[in-house]
Protein backbone atom coordinates (compact mmCIF):
# COMPACT_ATOMS: atom_id res chain seq x y z
CA MET A 1 -67.68 7.46 54.45
CA ASN A 2 -64.28 9.06 55.66
CA ILE A 3 -61.23 9.32 53.37
CA ALA A 4 -58.04 11.16 53.63
CA ALA A 5 -55.04 11.34 51.82
CA ASN A 6 -51.35 12.55 52.25
CA TYR A 7 -49.01 13.52 49.66
CA LYS A 8 -45.30 14.41 49.15
CA THR A 9 -44.52 17.42 47.92
CA GLY A 10 -44.27 17.25 44.06
CA ALA A 11 -44.93 13.24 44.44
CA THR A 12 -46.54 11.42 41.40
CA GLU A 13 -48.32 9.03 43.64
CA ALA A 14 -50.22 9.07 47.29
CA THR A 15 -47.90 8.18 49.86
CA GLN A 16 -50.25 7.11 52.31
CA ILE A 17 -53.83 6.50 52.02
CA VAL A 18 -56.03 6.22 54.94
CA LEU A 19 -59.62 4.82 54.68
CA SER A 20 -62.20 4.34 57.05
CA LEU A 21 -65.73 2.94 55.92
CA ASP A 22 -67.35 3.21 59.64
CA ASN A 23 -67.37 -0.27 60.25
CA ARG A 24 -70.90 -0.49 58.65
CA LEU A 25 -71.03 -3.50 56.32
CA PRO A 26 -74.37 -5.60 56.09
CA LYS A 27 -73.94 -8.79 57.48
CA MET A 28 -73.43 -11.74 55.28
CA LYS A 29 -75.61 -14.69 56.29
CA LYS A 30 -75.93 -18.40 54.81
CA LYS A 31 -79.39 -16.99 53.23
CA HIS A 32 -77.67 -14.43 51.18
CA LEU A 33 -75.36 -17.47 49.51
CA ASN A 34 -76.21 -19.79 47.03
CA ILE A 35 -73.83 -23.25 48.35
CA LYS A 36 -73.50 -25.50 45.81
CA LYS A 37 -70.84 -28.52 45.46
CA LYS A 38 -68.55 -26.68 43.61
CA GLN A 39 -69.24 -23.29 44.20
CA ILE A 40 -70.62 -20.48 46.17
CA SER A 41 -72.49 -17.45 44.80
CA PHE A 42 -73.60 -13.95 45.97
CA GLU A 43 -76.66 -13.26 43.91
CA LYS A 44 -78.90 -12.48 47.21
CA MET A 45 -76.36 -10.30 48.81
CA LEU A 46 -77.73 -6.56 49.77
CA ILE A 47 -74.76 -4.99 48.09
CA PRO A 48 -72.19 -5.83 45.33
CA VAL A 49 -69.39 -7.80 46.57
CA ASP A 50 -66.08 -6.65 45.23
CA ILE A 51 -63.58 -8.58 47.25
CA VAL A 52 -64.10 -12.11 48.61
CA GLN A 53 -61.53 -13.82 50.54
CA TYR A 54 -61.92 -17.41 51.50
CA SER A 55 -59.76 -19.92 53.33
CA LYS A 56 -60.29 -23.76 54.86
CA ASN A 57 -58.79 -22.20 57.91
CA LYS A 58 -60.47 -19.88 60.39
CA SER A 59 -57.51 -17.78 60.83
CA PHE A 60 -57.40 -17.07 57.04
CA LYS A 61 -54.25 -18.71 56.85
CA ASN A 62 -53.38 -19.49 53.25
CA ALA A 63 -56.52 -17.66 52.23
CA LYS A 64 -57.29 -17.02 48.83
CA THR A 65 -58.86 -13.53 47.62
CA VAL A 66 -60.89 -12.69 44.68
CA TRP A 67 -61.48 -9.38 43.26
CA ASP A 68 -64.24 -8.32 41.07
CA LYS A 69 -62.49 -6.72 37.70
CA LYS A 70 -65.45 -6.17 35.93
CA GLY A 71 -67.38 -3.97 38.11
CA GLY A 72 -71.05 -4.53 39.18
CA GLY A 73 -70.06 -7.39 41.94
CA LEU A 74 -68.50 -10.78 42.28
CA LYS A 75 -70.88 -13.43 40.99
CA ALA A 76 -69.41 -16.36 42.38
CA ILE A 77 -66.43 -18.27 43.82
CA LYS A 78 -65.78 -21.57 41.55
CA LYS A 79 -63.61 -24.59 41.38
CA LEU A 80 -64.07 -25.37 45.10
CA LYS A 81 -64.13 -28.67 46.65
CA PRO A 82 -67.00 -30.82 47.83
CA ASN A 83 -68.10 -31.44 51.05
CA THR A 84 -65.27 -29.05 52.57
CA THR A 85 -65.83 -26.11 55.20
CA TYR A 86 -64.82 -22.99 54.25
CA TYR A 87 -64.72 -19.70 56.19
CA ILE A 88 -65.63 -16.38 53.97
CA ARG A 89 -65.31 -12.76 54.59
CA TYR A 90 -66.16 -10.02 52.07
CA SER A 91 -65.08 -6.17 51.55
CA ILE A 92 -66.16 -3.46 49.18
CA THR A 93 -63.87 -0.81 47.45
CA THR A 94 -63.77 2.78 47.24
CA ASP A 95 -62.28 4.79 44.18
CA VAL A 96 -59.68 7.50 45.62
CA SER A 97 -58.10 10.21 43.56
CA THR A 98 -54.48 10.11 43.29
CA LEU A 99 -52.35 12.37 41.34
CA LYS A 100 -52.07 9.62 38.52
CA GLY A 101 -55.91 9.16 38.48
CA TYR A 102 -58.23 6.81 40.43
CA LYS A 103 -56.76 3.89 42.32
CA LYS A 104 -59.30 1.27 43.97
CA ILE A 105 -58.46 0.50 47.84
CA GLY A 106 -60.16 -2.26 49.78
CA GLY A 107 -62.18 -1.27 52.71
CA ILE A 108 -62.68 -3.24 56.20
CA TRP A 109 -63.64 -6.97 56.17
CA SER A 110 -67.15 -8.33 57.24
CA LYS A 111 -67.39 -10.71 59.92
CA THR A 112 -66.64 -14.12 58.97
CA ILE A 113 -69.31 -17.12 58.18
CA LYS A 114 -68.49 -20.63 58.40
CA VAL A 115 -69.91 -22.62 54.99
CA LYS A 116 -69.77 -26.05 53.92
CA THR A 117 -70.25 -27.09 50.38
CA LYS A 118 -72.38 -29.69 49.47
CA LYS A 119 -71.78 -33.49 48.59
C-alpha cells in the first residue's frame, strides 16, 4: 500500500492526498452475497467491506453510497425493492494521518457485479 500526502506550509489540513491500493481488491462474487427479497448482505465476503455503492443503472448514475460508520465492515444493504436488478461495487478505506488527526479515505472501486433481488 502506498500513501503520499502533500501539505501547505503551516496548513491545518492536507491539501492533497493521493492513495494507491495497488488494484488488489478481492473479487466480489454472487456466492459471497446473501441475496434476499429486500436486502443484500455481505457476511461471506473475504474482507470487511467499508463502502458499498449500488445503482439500478450500470453506469452508476443516481447511485447510492453506504459507508460503514461503526467499524468491522458493512453487514447489509437494506430497503431494496424486490425483483429488481442492482449493480454493486465496493471499496475499502484507509486512515491517513493529517495535522488535525486521522481521516478516512476511500480506495479504488472493485469490479461491478449484477445482482437481482428475489421476488
